[in-house]
């Protein structure tokens, strides 16, 4: 059974920092692209950052220069370091694992962790 468990969310003032972590189990972690998505109230879920199995990264324009995604394949974890947080970053953040192999797509989601940035 695949599990993605996020941690590290919380309440922080604008300009502050948080580090989110996602622990994965039940999957061949090194073969998956990992990502962080977020969903604010009454908005659609959006991509924040992704990191491929070979370490290539991709960021939403709104977080470039402020957020950093990283992975540790030995520990089956992916992290999102968030700095200079803004109230607009307030959302539930979800960890995602995605793999396309031989026309088969496997996608998994964590339960989410709340990040609240006060002004």
PDB file of N, CA and C in Angstrom:
ATOM      1  N   UNK A   1       0.837  -1.190   0.000  1.00  0.00           N
ATOM      2  CA  UNK A   1       0.000   0.000   0.000  1.00  0.00           C
ATOM      3  C   UNK A   1       0.879   1.249   0.000  1.00  0.00           C
ATOM      4  N   UNK A   2       0.625   2.115  -0.954  1.00  0.00           N
ATOM      5  CA  UNK A   2       1.410   3.339  -1.069  1.00  0.00           C
ATOM      6  C   UNK A   2       0.900   4.369  -0.066  1.00  0.00           C
ATOM      7  N   UNK A   3       1.845   4.980   0.615  1.00  0.00           N
ATOM      8  CA  UNK A   3       1.508   6.061   1.542  1.00  0.00           C
ATOM      9  C   UNK A   3       2.449   7.234   1.322  1.00  0.00           C
ATOM     10  N   UNK A   4       1.871   8.416   1.287  1.00  0.00           N
ATOM     11  CA  UNK A   4       2.625   9.660   1.274  1.00  0.00           C
ATOM     12  C   UNK A   4       2.158  10.458   2.482  1.00  0.00           C
ATOM     13  N   UNK A   5       3.081  10.759   3.378  1.00  0.00           N
ATOM     14  CA  UNK A   5       2.714  11.426   4.622  1.00  0.00           C
ATOM     15  C   UNK A   5       3.466  12.748   4.718  1.00  0.00           C
ATOM     16  N   UNK A   6       2.702  13.834   4.674  1.00  0.00           N
ATOM     17  CA  UNK A   6       3.303  15.167   4.764  1.00  0.00           C
ATOM     18  C   UNK A   6       3.428  15.618   6.222  1.00  0.00           C
ATOM     19  N   UNK A   7       4.393  16.480   6.452  1.00  0.00           N
ATOM     20  CA  UNK A   7       4.561  17.089   7.765  1.00  0.00           C
ATOM     21  C   UNK A   7       5.235  18.444   7.587  1.00  0.00           C
ATOM     22  N   UNK A   8       5.169  19.254   8.625  1.00  0.00           N
ATOM     23  CA  UNK A   8       5.887  20.522   8.614  1.00  0.00           C
ATOM     24  C   UNK A   8       5.048  21.755   8.385  1.00  0.00           C
ATOM     25  N   UNK A   9       3.770  21.580   8.145  1.00  0.00           N
ATOM     26  CA  UNK A   9       2.917  22.746   7.951  1.00  0.00           C
ATOM     27  C   UNK A   9       2.701  23.488   9.258  1.00  0.00           C
ATOM     28  N   UNK A  10       2.082  24.658   9.153  1.00  0.00           N
ATOM     29  CA  UNK A  10       1.805  25.430  10.351  1.00  0.00           C
ATOM     30  C   UNK A  10       1.489  26.858  10.035  1.00  0.00           C
ATOM     31  N   UNK A  11       1.523  27.674  11.087  1.00  0.00           N
ATOM     32  CA  UNK A  11       1.237  29.094  10.978  1.00  0.00           C
ATOM     33  C   UNK A  11       2.545  29.878  11.058  1.00  0.00           C
ATOM     34  N   UNK A  12       2.724  30.800  10.125  1.00  0.00           N
ATOM     35  CA  UNK A  12       3.947  31.597  10.097  1.00  0.00           C
ATOM     36  C   UNK A  12       3.608  33.009   9.638  1.00  0.00           C
ATOM     37  N   UNK A  13       4.390  33.967  10.074  1.00  0.00           N
ATOM     38  CA  UNK A  13       4.175  35.345   9.635  1.00  0.00           C
ATOM     39  C   UNK A  13       4.766  35.569   8.256  1.00  0.00           C
ATOM     40  N   UNK A  14       4.229  36.534   7.570  1.00  0.00           N
ATOM     41  CA  UNK A  14       4.762  36.884   6.257  1.00  0.00           C
ATOM     42  C   UNK A  14       6.258  37.190   6.374  1.00  0.00           C
ATOM     43  N   UNK A  15       7.008  36.685   5.401  1.00  0.00           N
ATOM     44  CA  UNK A  15       8.451  36.834   5.427  1.00  0.00           C
ATOM     45  C   UNK A  15       9.176  35.685   6.099  1.00  0.00           C
ATOM     46  N   UNK A  16       8.423  34.826   6.751  1.00  0.00           N
ATOM     47  CA  UNK A  16       9.013  33.702   7.453  1.00  0.00           C
ATOM     48  C   UNK A  16       9.266  32.504   6.551  1.00  0.00           C
ATOM     49  N   UNK A  17       9.699  31.419   7.172  1.00  0.00           N
ATOM     50  CA  UNK A  17      10.060  30.203   6.433  1.00  0.00           C
ATOM     51  C   UNK A  17       9.417  28.980   7.068  1.00  0.00           C
ATOM     52  N   UNK A  18       9.186  27.997   6.224  1.00  0.00           N
ATOM     53  CA  UNK A  18       8.724  26.680   6.669  1.00  0.00           C
ATOM     54  C   UNK A  18       9.370  25.634   5.782  1.00  0.00           C
ATOM     55  N   UNK A  19       9.506  24.448   6.352  1.00  0.00           N
ATOM     56  CA  UNK A  19      10.024  23.321   5.569  1.00  0.00           C
ATOM     57  C   UNK A  19       9.013  22.193   5.656  1.00  0.00           C
ATOM     58  N   UNK A  20       8.488  21.806   4.505  1.00  0.00           N
ATOM     59  CA  UNK A  20       7.572  20.675   4.420  1.00  0.00           C
ATOM     60  C   UNK A  20       8.355  19.423   4.051  1.00  0.00           C
ATOM     61  N   UNK A  21       7.906  18.310   4.596  1.00  0.00           N
ATOM     62  CA  UNK A  21       8.531  17.040   4.272  1.00  0.00           C
ATOM     63  C   UNK A  21       7.459  16.020   3.934  1.00  0.00           C
ATOM     64  N   UNK A  22       7.799  15.115   3.054  1.00  0.00           N
ATOM     65  CA  UNK A  22       6.875  14.044   2.654  1.00  0.00           C
ATOM     66  C   UNK A  22       7.637  12.730   2.704  1.00  0.00           C
ATOM     67  N   UNK A  23       7.129  11.804   3.494  1.00  0.00           N
ATOM     68  CA  UNK A  23       7.728  10.478   3.598  1.00  0.00           C
ATOM     69  C   UNK A  23       6.896   9.494   2.787  1.00  0.00           C
ATOM     70  N   UNK A  24       7.548   8.809   1.877  1.00  0.00           N
ATOM     71  CA  UNK A  24       6.861   7.875   0.990  1.00  0.00           C
ATOM     72  C   UNK A  24       7.187   6.445   1.365  1.00  0.00           C
ATOM     73  N   UNK A  25       6.200   5.576   1.206  1.00  0.00           N
ATOM     74  CA  UNK A  25       6.413   4.148   1.440  1.00  0.00           C
ATOM     75  C   UNK A  25       5.518   3.349   0.498  1.00  0.00           C
ATOM     76  N   UNK A  26       5.930   2.113   0.243  1.00  0.00           N
ATOM     77  CA  UNK A  26       5.120   1.242  -0.590  1.00  0.00           C
ATOM     78  C   UNK A  26       5.286   1.426  -2.087  1.00  0.00           C
ATOM     79  N   UNK A  27       6.307   2.181  -2.497  1.00  0.00           N
ATOM     80  CA  UNK A  27       6.547   2.379  -3.931  1.00  0.00           C
ATOM     81  C   UNK A  27       8.039   2.453  -4.194  1.00  0.00           C
ATOM     82  N   UNK A  28       8.405   2.232  -5.439  1.00  0.00           N
ATOM     83  CA  UNK A  28       9.814   2.337  -5.843  1.00  0.00           C
ATOM     84  C   UNK A  28      10.142   3.816  -5.983  1.00  0.00           C
ATOM     85  N   UNK A  29      10.471   4.440  -4.878  1.00  0.00           N
ATOM     86  CA  UNK A  29      10.550   5.894  -4.796  1.00  0.00           C
ATOM     87  C   UNK A  29      11.446   6.507  -5.874  1.00  0.00           C
ATOM     88  N   UNK A  30      12.569   5.903  -6.107  1.00  0.00           N
ATOM     89  CA  UNK A  30      13.534   6.477  -7.052  1.00  0.00           C
ATOM     90  C   UNK A  30      13.055   6.537  -8.485  1.00  0.00           C
ATOM     91  N   UNK A  31      11.987   5.820  -8.795  1.00  0.00           N
ATOM     92  CA  UNK A  31      11.467   5.803 -10.164  1.00  0.00           C
ATOM     93  C   UNK A  31      10.337   6.807 -10.374  1.00  0.00           C
ATOM     94  N   UNK A  32       9.957   7.497  -9.311  1.00  0.00           N
ATOM     95  CA  UNK A  32       8.838   8.435  -9.378  1.00  0.00           C
ATOM     96  C   UNK A  32       9.312   9.876  -9.424  1.00  0.00           C
ATOM     97  N   UNK A  33       8.623  10.668 -10.221  1.00  0.00           N
ATOM     98  CA  UNK A  33       8.724  12.108 -10.078  1.00  0.00           C
ATOM     99  C   UNK A  33       7.902  12.495  -8.856  1.00  0.00           C
ATOM    100  N   UNK A  34       8.449  13.409  -8.069  1.00  0.00           N
ATOM    101  CA  UNK A  34       7.756  13.846  -6.856  1.00  0.00           C
ATOM    102  C   UNK A  34       7.411  15.326  -6.993  1.00  0.00           C
ATOM    103  N   UNK A  35       6.321  15.699  -6.353  1.00  0.00           N
ATOM    104  CA  UNK A  35       5.916  17.087  -6.477  1.00  0.00           C
ATOM    105  C   UNK A  35       5.134  17.573  -5.282  1.00  0.00           C
ATOM    106  N   UNK A  36       5.043  18.885  -5.212  1.00  0.00           N
ATOM    107  CA  UNK A  36       4.198  19.548  -4.236  1.00  0.00           C
ATOM    108  C   UNK A  36       3.162  20.377  -4.985  1.00  0.00           C
ATOM    109  N   UNK A  37       1.935  20.238  -4.556  1.00  0.00           N
ATOM    110  CA  UNK A  37       0.825  21.013  -5.082  1.00  0.00           C
ATOM    111  C   UNK A  37       0.143  21.701  -3.903  1.00  0.00           C
ATOM    112  N   UNK A  38      -0.663  22.708  -4.218  1.00  0.00           N
ATOM    113  CA  UNK A  38      -1.385  23.370  -3.139  1.00  0.00           C
ATOM    114  C   UNK A  38      -2.780  23.753  -3.599  1.00  0.00           C
ATOM    115  N   UNK A  39      -3.652  23.871  -2.631  1.00  0.00           N
ATOM    116  CA  UNK A  39      -5.024  24.266  -2.924  1.00  0.00           C
ATOM    117  C   UNK A  39      -5.494  25.235  -1.856  1.00  0.00           C
ATOM    118  N   UNK A  40      -5.783  26.447  -2.290  1.00  0.00           N
ATOM    119  CA  UNK A  40      -6.322  27.466  -1.403  1.00  0.00           C
ATOM    120  C   UNK A  40      -7.839  27.372  -1.407  1.00  0.00           C
ATOM    121  N   UNK A  41      -8.503  27.917  -0.384  1.00  0.00           N
ATOM    122  CA  UNK A  41      -9.964  27.860  -0.333  1.00  0.00           C
ATOM    123  C   UNK A  41     -10.596  28.425  -1.606  1.00  0.00           C
ATOM    124  N   UNK A  42     -11.530  27.682  -2.141  1.00  0.00           N
ATOM    125  CA  UNK A  42     -12.297  28.084  -3.321  1.00  0.00           C
ATOM    126  C   UNK A  42     -11.433  28.245  -4.573  1.00  0.00           C
ATOM    127  N   UNK A  43     -10.280  27.634  -4.566  1.00  0.00           N
ATOM    128  CA  UNK A  43      -9.422  27.655  -5.753  1.00  0.00           C
ATOM    129  C   UNK A  43      -9.066  26.239  -6.152  1.00  0.00           C
ATOM    130  N   UNK A  44      -8.638  26.078  -7.383  1.00  0.00           N
ATOM    131  CA  UNK A  44      -8.239  24.768  -7.864  1.00  0.00           C
ATOM    132  C   UNK A  44      -6.839  24.417  -7.357  1.00  0.00           C
ATOM    133  N   UNK A  45      -6.584  23.125  -7.284  1.00  0.00           N
ATOM    134  CA  UNK A  45      -5.246  22.684  -6.898  1.00  0.00           C
ATOM    135  C   UNK A  45      -4.257  23.099  -7.984  1.00  0.00           C
ATOM    136  N   UNK A  46      -3.103  23.598  -7.559  1.00  0.00           N
ATOM    137  CA  UNK A  46      -2.100  24.058  -8.519  1.00  0.00           C
ATOM    138  C   UNK A  46      -0.731  23.493  -8.191  1.00  0.00           C
ATOM    139  N   UNK A  47       0.074  23.380  -9.226  1.00  0.00           N
ATOM    140  CA  UNK A  47       1.430  22.892  -9.065  1.00  0.00           C
ATOM    141  C   UNK A  47       2.285  23.934  -8.363  1.00  0.00           C
ATOM    142  N   UNK A  48       3.095  23.478  -7.426  1.00  0.00           N
ATOM    143  CA  UNK A  48       4.066  24.353  -6.768  1.00  0.00           C
ATOM    144  C   UNK A  48       5.468  24.050  -7.282  1.00  0.00           C
ATOM    145  N   UNK A  49       5.860  22.786  -7.196  1.00  0.00           N
ATOM    146  CA  UNK A  49       7.194  22.397  -7.626  1.00  0.00           C
ATOM    147  C   UNK A  49       7.230  20.904  -7.861  1.00  0.00           C
ATOM    148  N   UNK A  50       8.069  20.489  -8.799  1.00  0.00           N
ATOM    149  CA  UNK A  50       8.273  19.075  -9.037  1.00  0.00           C
ATOM    150  C   UNK A  50       9.760  18.780  -9.143  1.00  0.00           C
ATOM    151  N   UNK A  51      10.099  17.534  -8.880  1.00  0.00           N
ATOM    152  CA  UNK A  51      11.474  17.071  -9.044  1.00  0.00           C
ATOM    153  C   UNK A  51      11.414  15.689  -9.667  1.00  0.00           C
ATOM    154  N   UNK A  52      12.119  15.525 -10.766  1.00  0.00           N
ATOM    155  CA  UNK A  52      12.068  14.265 -11.491  1.00  0.00           C
ATOM    156  C   UNK A  52      12.936  13.223 -10.807  1.00  0.00           C
ATOM    157  N   UNK A  53      12.873  12.015 -11.339  1.00  0.00           N
ATOM    158  CA  UNK A  53      13.664  10.929 -10.764  1.00  0.00           C
ATOM    159  C   UNK A  53      15.162  11.187 -10.911  1.00  0.00           C
ATOM    160  N   UNK A  54      15.539  12.002 -11.894  1.00  0.00           N
ATOM    161  CA  UNK A  54      16.960  12.312 -12.069  1.00  0.00           C
ATOM    162  C   UNK A  54      17.344  13.640 -11.438  1.00  0.00           C
ATOM    163  N   UNK A  55      16.403  14.256 -10.705  1.00  0.00           N
ATOM    164  CA  UNK A  55      16.725  15.467  -9.962  1.00  0.00           C
ATOM    165  C   UNK A  55      16.415  16.774 -10.649  1.00  0.00           C
ATOM    166  N   UNK A  56      15.861  16.742 -11.840  1.00  0.00           N
ATOM    167  CA  UNK A  56      15.489  17.987 -12.508  1.00  0.00           C
ATOM    168  C   UNK A  56      14.294  18.610 -11.797  1.00  0.00           C
ATOM    169  N   UNK A  57      14.322  19.921 -11.650  1.00  0.00           N
ATOM    170  CA  UNK A  57      13.270  20.605 -10.905  1.00  0.00           C
ATOM    171  C   UNK A  57      12.479  21.558 -11.783  1.00  0.00           C
ATOM    172  N   UNK A  58      11.259  21.830 -11.337  1.00  0.00           N
ATOM    173  CA  UNK A  58      10.377  22.752 -12.035  1.00  0.00           C
ATOM    174  C   UNK A  58       9.551  23.476 -10.981  1.00  0.00           C
ATOM    175  N   UNK A  59       9.379  24.787 -11.166  1.00  0.00           N
ATOM    176  CA  UNK A  59       8.666  25.590 -10.179  1.00  0.00           C
ATOM    177  C   UNK A  59       7.589  26.441 -10.826  1.00  0.00           C
ATOM    178  N   UNK A  60       6.535  26.671 -10.086  1.00  0.00           N
ATOM    179  CA  UNK A  60       5.553  27.664 -10.505  1.00  0.00           C
ATOM    180  C   UNK A  60       6.213  29.040 -10.454  1.00  0.00           C
ATOM    181  N   UNK A  61       5.825  29.910 -11.360  1.00  0.00           N
ATOM    182  CA  UNK A  61       6.431  31.240 -11.408  1.00  0.00           C
ATOM    183  C   UNK A  61       6.262  31.970 -10.074  1.00  0.00           C
ATOM    184  N   UNK A  62       5.166  31.727  -9.407  1.00  0.00           N
ATOM    185  CA  UNK A  62       4.861  32.461  -8.169  1.00  0.00           C
ATOM    186  C   UNK A  62       5.793  32.104  -7.018  1.00  0.00           C
ATOM    187  N   UNK A  63       6.519  30.996  -7.125  1.00  0.00           N
ATOM    188  CA  UNK A  63       7.388  30.577  -6.010  1.00  0.00           C
ATOM    189  C   UNK A  63       8.856  30.538  -6.397  1.00  0.00           C
ATOM    190  N   UNK A  64       9.169  30.805  -7.648  1.00  0.00           N
ATOM    191  CA  UNK A  64      10.566  30.768  -8.085  1.00  0.00           C
ATOM    192  C   UNK A  64      11.403  31.742  -7.269  1.00  0.00           C
ATOM    193  N   UNK A  65      12.541  31.264  -6.831  1.00  0.00           N
ATOM    194  CA  UNK A  65      13.430  32.097  -6.033  1.00  0.00           C
ATOM    195  C   UNK A  65      13.104  32.091  -4.552  1.00  0.00           C
ATOM    196  N   UNK A  66      11.960  31.547  -4.180  1.00  0.00           N
ATOM    197  CA  UNK A  66      11.568  31.505  -2.763  1.00  0.00           C
ATOM    198  C   UNK A  66      11.475  30.068  -2.228  1.00  0.00           C
ATOM    199  N   UNK A  67      11.064  29.141  -3.083  1.00  0.00           N
ATOM    200  CA  UNK A  67      10.878  27.751  -2.661  1.00  0.00           C
ATOM    201  C   UNK A  67      11.940  26.875  -3.315  1.00  0.00           C
ATOM    202  N   UNK A  68      12.326  25.822  -2.618  1.00  0.00           N
ATOM    203  CA  UNK A  68      13.287  24.854  -3.151  1.00  0.00           C
ATOM    204  C   UNK A  68      12.794  23.448  -2.851  1.00  0.00           C
ATOM    205  N   UNK A  69      12.691  22.645  -3.887  1.00  0.00           N
ATOM    206  CA  UNK A  69      12.296  21.250  -3.711  1.00  0.00           C
ATOM    207  C   UNK A  69      13.545  20.373  -3.767  1.00  0.00           C
ATOM    208  N   UNK A  70      13.553  19.331  -2.953  1.00  0.00           N
ATOM    209  CA  UNK A  70      14.684  18.406  -2.947  1.00  0.00           C
ATOM    210  C   UNK A  70      14.179  17.011  -2.601  1.00  0.00           C
ATOM    211  N   UNK A  71      14.962  16.021  -2.919  1.00  0.00           N
ATOM    212  CA  UNK A  71      14.588  14.645  -2.606  1.00  0.00           C
ATOM    213  C   UNK A  71      15.780  13.885  -2.058  1.00  0.00           C
ATOM    214  N   UNK A  72      15.496  12.903  -1.241  1.00  0.00           N
ATOM    215  CA  UNK A  72      16.510  12.010  -0.698  1.00  0.00           C
ATOM    216  C   UNK A  72      16.050  10.594  -1.016  1.00  0.00           C
ATOM    217  N   UNK A  73      16.624  10.022  -2.052  1.00  0.00           N
ATOM    218  CA  UNK A  73      16.183   8.690  -2.481  1.00  0.00           C
ATOM    219  C   UNK A  73      16.553   7.606  -1.475  1.00  0.00           C
ATOM    220  N   UNK A  74      17.563   7.844  -0.678  1.00  0.00           N
ATOM    221  CA  UNK A  74      17.952   6.856   0.338  1.00  0.00           C
ATOM    222  C   UNK A  74      16.930   6.799   1.468  1.00  0.00           C
ATOM    223  N   UNK A  75      16.270   7.939   1.728  1.00  0.00           N
ATOM    224  CA  UNK A  75      15.294   8.001   2.813  1.00  0.00           C
ATOM    225  C   UNK A  75      13.858   8.029   2.321  1.00  0.00           C
ATOM    226  N   UNK A  76      13.672   7.993   1.015  1.00  0.00           N
ATOM    227  CA  UNK A  76      12.320   8.043   0.432  1.00  0.00           C
ATOM    228  C   UNK A  76      11.547   9.275   0.883  1.00  0.00           C
ATOM    229  N   UNK A  77      12.215  10.401   0.840  1.00  0.00           N
ATOM    230  CA  UNK A  77      11.570  11.641   1.263  1.00  0.00           C
ATOM    231  C   UNK A  77      11.754  12.733   0.215  1.00  0.00           C
ATOM    232  N   UNK A  78      10.821  13.648   0.215  1.00  0.00           N
ATOM    233  CA  UNK A  78      10.907  14.849  -0.610  1.00  0.00           C
ATOM    234  C   UNK A  78      10.557  16.029   0.290  1.00  0.00           C
ATOM    235  N   UNK A  79      11.273  17.105   0.110  1.00  0.00           N
ATOM    236  CA  UNK A  79      11.090  18.269   0.969  1.00  0.00           C
ATOM    237  C   UNK A  79      10.809  19.507   0.131  1.00  0.00           C
ATOM    238  N   UNK A  80      10.153  20.455   0.762  1.00  0.00           N
ATOM    239  CA  UNK A  80       9.923  21.752   0.139  1.00  0.00           C
ATOM    240  C   UNK A  80      10.326  22.822   1.150  1.00  0.00           C
ATOM    241  N   UNK A  81      11.429  23.493   0.870  1.00  0.00           N
ATOM    242  CA  UNK A  81      11.878  24.593   1.705  1.00  0.00           C
ATOM    243  C   UNK A  81      11.228  25.865   1.189  1.00  0.00           C
ATOM    244  N   UNK A  82      10.484  26.524   2.061  1.00  0.00           N
ATOM    245  CA  UNK A  82       9.750  27.724   1.664  1.00  0.00           C
ATOM    246  C   UNK A  82      10.281  28.914   2.444  1.00  0.00           C
ATOM    247  N   UNK A  83      10.703  29.937   1.742  1.00  0.00           N
ATOM    248  CA  UNK A  83      11.214  31.141   2.381  1.00  0.00           C
ATOM    249  C   UNK A  83      10.434  32.353   1.879  1.00  0.00           C
ATOM    250  N   UNK A  84      10.589  33.460   2.610  1.00  0.00           N
ATOM    251  CA  UNK A  84       9.902  34.702   2.251  1.00  0.00           C
ATOM    252  C   UNK A  84       8.423  34.439   1.951  1.00  0.00           C
ATOM    253  N   UNK A  85       7.791  33.759   2.848  1.00  0.00           N
ATOM    254  CA  UNK A  85       6.395  33.371   2.635  1.00  0.00           C
ATOM    255  C   UNK A  85       5.484  34.581   2.615  1.00  0.00           C
ATOM    256  N   UNK A  86       4.446  34.471   1.788  1.00  0.00           N
ATOM    257  CA  UNK A  86       3.480  35.541   1.609  1.00  0.00           C
ATOM    258  C   UNK A  86       2.085  35.030   1.976  1.00  0.00           C
ATOM    259  N   UNK A  87       1.173  35.924   2.328  1.00  0.00           N
ATOM    260  CA  UNK A  87      -0.193  35.472   2.633  1.00  0.00           C
ATOM    261  C   UNK A  87      -0.813  34.661   1.491  1.00  0.00           C
ATOM    262  N   UNK A  88      -0.459  34.987   0.258  1.00  0.00           N
ATOM    263  CA  UNK A  88      -0.999  34.235  -0.896  1.00  0.00           C
ATOM    264  C   UNK A  88      -0.497  32.793  -0.948  1.00  0.00           C
ATOM    265  N   UNK A  89       0.497  32.457  -0.150  1.00  0.00           N
ATOM    266  CA  UNK A  89       0.976  31.077  -0.088  1.00  0.00           C
ATOM    267  C   UNK A  89       0.109  30.220   0.830  1.00  0.00           C
ATOM    268  N   UNK A  90      -0.834  30.830   1.514  1.00  0.00           N
ATOM    269  CA  UNK A  90      -1.722  30.080   2.392  1.00  0.00           C
ATOM    270  C   UNK A  90      -2.542  29.071   1.600  1.00  0.00           C
ATOM    271  N   UNK A  91      -2.447  27.805   1.993  1.00  0.00           N
ATOM    272  CA  UNK A  91      -3.131  26.732   1.276  1.00  0.00           C
ATOM    273  C   UNK A  91      -2.869  25.412   1.986  1.00  0.00           C
ATOM    274  N   UNK A  92      -3.582  24.389   1.540  1.00  0.00           N
ATOM    275  CA  UNK A  92      -3.222  23.026   1.924  1.00  0.00           C
ATOM    276  C   UNK A  92      -2.226  22.524   0.884  1.00  0.00           C
ATOM    277  N   UNK A  93      -1.108  22.037   1.356  1.00  0.00           N
ATOM    278  CA  UNK A  93      -0.037  21.561   0.473  1.00  0.00           C
ATOM    279  C   UNK A  93      -0.066  20.034   0.425  1.00  0.00           C
ATOM    280  N   UNK A  94      -0.033  19.523  -0.793  1.00  0.00           N
ATOM    281  CA  UNK A  94      -0.126  18.086  -1.020  1.00  0.00           C
ATOM    282  C   UNK A  94       1.144  17.556  -1.678  1.00  0.00           C
ATOM    283  N   UNK A  95       1.579  16.423  -1.190  1.00  0.00           N
ATOM    284  CA  UNK A  95       2.689  15.702  -1.804  1.00  0.00           C
ATOM    285  C   UNK A  95       2.139  14.786  -2.898  1.00  0.00           C
ATOM    286  N   UNK A  96       2.864  14.698  -3.984  1.00  0.00           N
ATOM    287  CA  UNK A  96       2.429  13.891  -5.125  1.00  0.00           C
ATOM    288  C   UNK A  96       3.573  13.021  -5.620  1.00  0.00           C
ATOM    289  N   UNK A  97       3.227  11.790  -5.994  1.00  0.00           N
ATOM    290  CA  UNK A  97       4.170  10.887  -6.654  1.00  0.00           C
ATOM    291  C   UNK A  97       3.566  10.480  -7.987  1.00  0.00           C
ATOM    292  N   UNK A  98       4.371  10.551  -9.044  1.00  0.00           N
ATOM    293  CA  UNK A  98       3.842  10.300 -10.381  1.00  0.00           C
ATOM    294  C   UNK A  98       4.864   9.540 -11.218  1.00  0.00           C
ATOM    295  N   UNK A  99       4.378   8.544 -11.911  1.00  0.00           N
ATOM    296  CA  UNK A  99       5.262   7.778 -12.784  1.00  0.00           C
ATOM    297  C   UNK A  99       4.496   7.308 -14.019  1.00  0.00           C
ATOM    298  N   UNK A 100       5.065   7.451 -15.178  1.00  0.00           N
ATOM    299  CA  UNK A 100       4.513   6.932 -16.430  1.00  0.00           C
ATOM    300  C   UNK A 100       5.491   5.897 -16.950  1.00  0.00           C
ATOM    301  N   UNK A 101       5.034   4.664 -17.034  1.00  0.00           N
ATOM    302  CA  UNK A 101       5.904   3.560 -17.421  1.00  0.00           C
ATOM    303  C   UNK A 101       5.123   2.621 -18.301  1.00  0.00           C
ATOM    304  N   UNK A 102       5.626   2.459 -19.527  1.00  0.00           N
ATOM    305  CA  UNK A 102       4.969   1.552 -20.458  1.00  0.00           C
ATOM    306  C   UNK A 102       3.473   1.857 -20.581  1.00  0.00           C
ATOM    307  N   UNK A 103       3.133   3.091 -20.789  1.00  0.00           N
ATOM    308  CA  UNK A 103       1.761   3.571 -20.970  1.00  0.00           C
ATOM    309  C   UNK A 103       0.903   3.451 -19.714  1.00  0.00           C
ATOM    310  N   UNK A 104       1.511   3.072 -18.629  1.00  0.00           N
ATOM    311  CA  UNK A 104       0.765   2.978 -17.379  1.00  0.00           C
ATOM    312  C   UNK A 104       1.177   4.148 -16.491  1.00  0.00           C
ATOM    313  N   UNK A 105       0.197   4.891 -16.030  1.00  0.00           N
ATOM    314  CA  UNK A 105       0.446   6.024 -15.155  1.00  0.00           C
ATOM    315  C   UNK A 105       0.016   5.682 -13.734  1.00  0.00           C
ATOM    316  N   UNK A 106       0.919   5.889 -12.814  1.00  0.00           N
ATOM    317  CA  UNK A 106       0.608   5.728 -11.394  1.00  0.00           C
ATOM    318  C   UNK A 106       0.760   7.082 -10.708  1.00  0.00           C
ATOM    319  N   UNK A 107      -0.270   7.497 -10.041  1.00  0.00           N
ATOM    320  CA  UNK A 107      -0.251   8.782  -9.345  1.00  0.00           C
ATOM    321  C   UNK A 107      -0.800   8.593  -7.944  1.00  0.00           C
ATOM    322  N   UNK A 108      -0.083   9.151  -6.983  1.00  0.00           N
ATOM    323  CA  UNK A 108      -0.499   9.046  -5.588  1.00  0.00           C
ATOM    324  C   UNK A 108      -0.431  10.416  -4.926  1.00  0.00           C
ATOM    325  N   UNK A 109      -1.303  10.603  -3.942  1.00  0.00           N
ATOM    326  CA  UNK A 109      -1.390  11.862  -3.210  1.00  0.00           C
ATOM    327  C   UNK A 109      -1.323  11.620  -1.708  1.00  0.00           C
ATOM    328  N   UNK A 110      -0.724  12.574  -1.025  1.00  0.00           N
ATOM    329  CA  UNK A 110      -0.784  12.571   0.418  1.00  0.00           C
ATOM    330  C   UNK A 110      -2.082  13.209   0.889  1.00  0.00           C
ATOM    331  N   UNK A 111      -2.229  13.270   2.196  1.00  0.00           N
ATOM    332  CA  UNK A 111      -3.475  13.791   2.772  1.00  0.00           C
ATOM    333  C   UNK A 111      -3.455  15.312   2.894  1.00  0.00           C
ATOM    334  N   UNK A 112      -2.299  15.914   2.759  1.00  0.00           N
ATOM    335  CA  UNK A 112      -2.189  17.363   2.795  1.00  0.00           C
ATOM    336  C   UNK A 112      -1.777  17.896   4.155  1.00  0.00           C
ATOM    337  N   UNK A 113      -1.116  19.048   4.128  1.00  0.00           N
ATOM    338  CA  UNK A 113      -0.736  19.735   5.356  1.00  0.00           C
ATOM    339  C   UNK A 113      -1.026  21.222   5.176  1.00  0.00           C
ATOM    340  N   UNK A 114      -1.600  21.830   6.192  1.00  0.00           N
ATOM    341  CA  UNK A 114      -2.031  23.218   6.100  1.00  0.00           C
ATOM    342  C   UNK A 114      -0.864  24.168   6.339  1.00  0.00           C
ATOM    343  N   UNK A 115      -0.725  25.142   5.464  1.00  0.00           N
ATOM    344  CA  UNK A 115       0.226  26.242   5.639  1.00  0.00           C
ATOM    345  C   UNK A 115      -0.575  27.539   5.672  1.00  0.00           C
ATOM    346  N   UNK A 116      -0.417  28.276   6.740  1.00  0.00           N
ATOM    347  CA  UNK A 116      -1.111  29.548   6.884  1.00  0.00           C
ATOM    348  C   UNK A 116      -0.088  30.645   7.114  1.00  0.00           C
ATOM    349  N   UNK A 117      -0.130  31.667   6.271  1.00  0.00           N
ATOM    350  CA  UNK A 117       0.807  32.787   6.364  1.00  0.00           C
ATOM    351  C   UNK A 117       0.001  34.029   6.743  1.00  0.00           C
ATOM    352  N   UNK A 118       0.325  34.594   7.893  1.00  0.00           N
ATOM    353  CA  UNK A 118      -0.391  35.780   8.356  1.00  0.00           C
ATOM    354  C   UNK A 118       0.339  37.039   7.911  1.00  0.00           C
ATOM    355  N   UNK A 119      -0.441  38.072   7.681  1.00  0.00           N
ATOM    356  CA  UNK A 119       0.157  39.341   7.212  1.00  0.00           C
ATOM    357  C   UNK A 119       0.552  40.237   8.369  1.00  0.00           C
TER     358      UNK A 119
END
